[in-house]
Protein backbone atom coordinates (compact mmCIF):
# COMPACT_ATOMS: atom_id res chain seq x y z
CA MET A 1 102.88 122.86 110.49
CA LYS A 2 106.63 123.52 110.31
CA PRO A 3 109.11 121.57 107.83
CA VAL A 4 111.88 119.86 109.68
CA ASP A 5 115.57 120.96 108.81
CA THR A 6 117.43 117.93 107.88
CA SER A 7 120.37 119.69 106.26
CA GLN A 8 122.82 118.19 109.17
CA CYS A 9 121.22 114.87 109.19
CA LEU A 10 123.55 112.16 107.60
CA CYS A 11 121.40 109.25 108.23
CA HIS A 12 118.25 108.12 110.12
CA ILE A 13 118.28 104.70 111.62
CA LEU A 14 114.74 103.09 112.66
CA VAL A 15 115.04 100.25 115.06
CA CYS A 16 111.54 98.26 115.55
CA VAL A 17 110.98 97.62 119.21
CA ASN A 18 107.32 96.22 118.82
CA ARG A 19 106.28 93.93 121.38
CA ARG A 20 103.17 91.96 120.32
CA GLN A 21 100.75 91.35 123.42
CA ASP A 22 98.48 88.08 123.26
CA SER A 23 99.48 87.05 119.87
CA PRO A 24 101.20 83.88 118.56
CA LEU A 25 103.16 86.00 115.90
CA PRO A 26 106.73 86.85 116.92
CA SER A 27 107.77 90.40 117.48
CA CYS A 28 110.88 92.44 117.25
CA ALA A 29 111.07 92.79 121.04
CA GLY A 30 109.75 89.34 121.72
CA ALA A 31 111.41 86.52 123.66
CA ASP A 32 113.75 85.53 121.05
CA ALA A 33 114.51 89.08 119.77
CA ASP A 34 117.35 91.67 120.38
CA ALA A 35 115.42 94.87 119.67
CA GLU A 36 116.22 96.91 122.90
CA PRO A 37 119.92 95.82 122.93
CA VAL A 38 120.09 96.64 119.25
CA PHE A 39 118.73 100.17 120.18
CA GLU A 40 121.02 100.75 122.83
CA THR A 41 123.94 99.61 121.17
CA PHE A 42 123.22 102.16 118.30
CA ARG A 43 122.43 104.79 120.79
CA SER A 44 125.64 104.34 122.89
CA TRP A 45 127.85 104.36 119.94
CA LEU A 46 126.20 107.58 118.60
CA THR A 47 126.46 109.19 122.24
CA ASP A 48 129.93 108.39 122.79
CA ARG A 49 130.87 110.20 119.46
CA ASN A 50 128.29 113.08 120.02
CA LEU A 51 126.55 112.01 116.84
CA LEU A 52 122.94 112.03 117.82
CA ALA A 53 122.13 115.37 116.03
CA ARG A 54 123.77 114.22 112.78
CA ILE A 55 122.56 110.54 112.85
CA TRP A 56 119.05 110.32 114.04
CA LEU A 57 117.97 107.07 115.81
CA THR A 58 114.16 106.31 116.45
CA ARG A 59 112.37 103.27 118.23
CA THR A 60 109.33 102.25 116.04
CA GLN A 61 106.48 99.99 116.37
CA CYS A 62 106.11 97.28 113.66
CA MET A 63 107.55 97.96 110.32
CA GLY A 64 106.18 94.80 108.84
CA TRP A 65 108.75 92.16 109.34
CA CYS A 66 108.39 90.97 112.84
CA HIS A 67 106.40 88.26 111.89
CA VAL A 68 109.11 86.89 109.92
CA ASP A 69 112.52 87.18 111.36
CA GLY A 70 112.57 89.26 114.40
CA THR A 71 114.27 92.71 114.82
CA THR A 72 114.07 94.92 111.99
CA VAL A 73 116.54 97.91 111.51
CA ALA A 74 116.13 100.55 108.58
CA PHE A 75 118.91 103.01 107.59
CA TYR A 76 117.84 106.09 105.38
CA PRO A 77 121.13 107.57 104.56
CA ALA A 78 120.75 111.33 103.37
CA ASP A 79 122.58 110.60 100.18
CA GLU A 80 120.95 107.55 98.99
CA LEU A 81 117.79 107.17 96.92
CA GLU A 82 116.71 103.92 98.52
CA PRO A 83 116.45 103.03 102.16
CA ILE A 84 118.67 99.80 103.55
CA TRP A 85 116.56 97.32 105.53
CA TYR A 86 117.61 94.21 107.69
CA ARG A 87 115.95 91.59 109.33
CA ALA A 88 116.71 89.32 112.06
CA VAL A 89 119.25 91.86 113.53
CA ASN A 90 120.75 91.09 116.91
CA LYS A 91 123.29 92.93 119.10
CA GLU A 92 126.32 91.31 117.53
CA ASP A 93 125.20 92.44 114.16
CA CYS A 94 125.35 96.11 115.36
CA HIS A 95 129.30 96.19 114.86
CA THR A 96 128.91 95.19 111.25
CA LEU A 97 126.17 97.66 110.56
CA ILE A 98 128.23 100.44 112.05
CA GLU A 99 131.33 99.56 110.12
CA ARG A 100 129.19 99.30 106.84
CA HIS A 101 126.81 102.28 107.04
CA LEU A 102 127.78 104.66 109.78
CA LYS A 103 131.76 104.92 109.99
CA PRO A 104 131.70 105.91 106.21
CA LEU A 105 129.52 108.54 106.90
CA ILE A 106 131.43 110.24 109.46
CA ARG A 107 134.74 109.73 107.88
CA SER A 108 133.63 111.35 104.84
CA THR A 109 131.70 114.35 106.26
CA PRO A 110 133.30 117.25 108.16
CA GLN A 111 131.94 117.51 111.62
CA SER A 112 130.05 120.72 112.70
């Protein structure tokens, strides 16, 4: 086992892309949810700015809120004690989340 060096990570974003099979419960990647477009919007924004090594982006399975409101996104900023979670996220919300959580991180941190 080896520890992971997280010293360059500004934030870790988790996007639930869970799709329930044969279940009446909704899921983040279900028919009325935007899980993949949300993930791809974040990935495109990070890739365009060469930030994937500094802001980590991970697809996840169920994080426990799919059954309530659809696509769940969690931000784990390196300098915060508590993670920030959102439910019912759609592709249009990504711009607001980028402005609120990601742009301040890259403005205040020198690029390596």
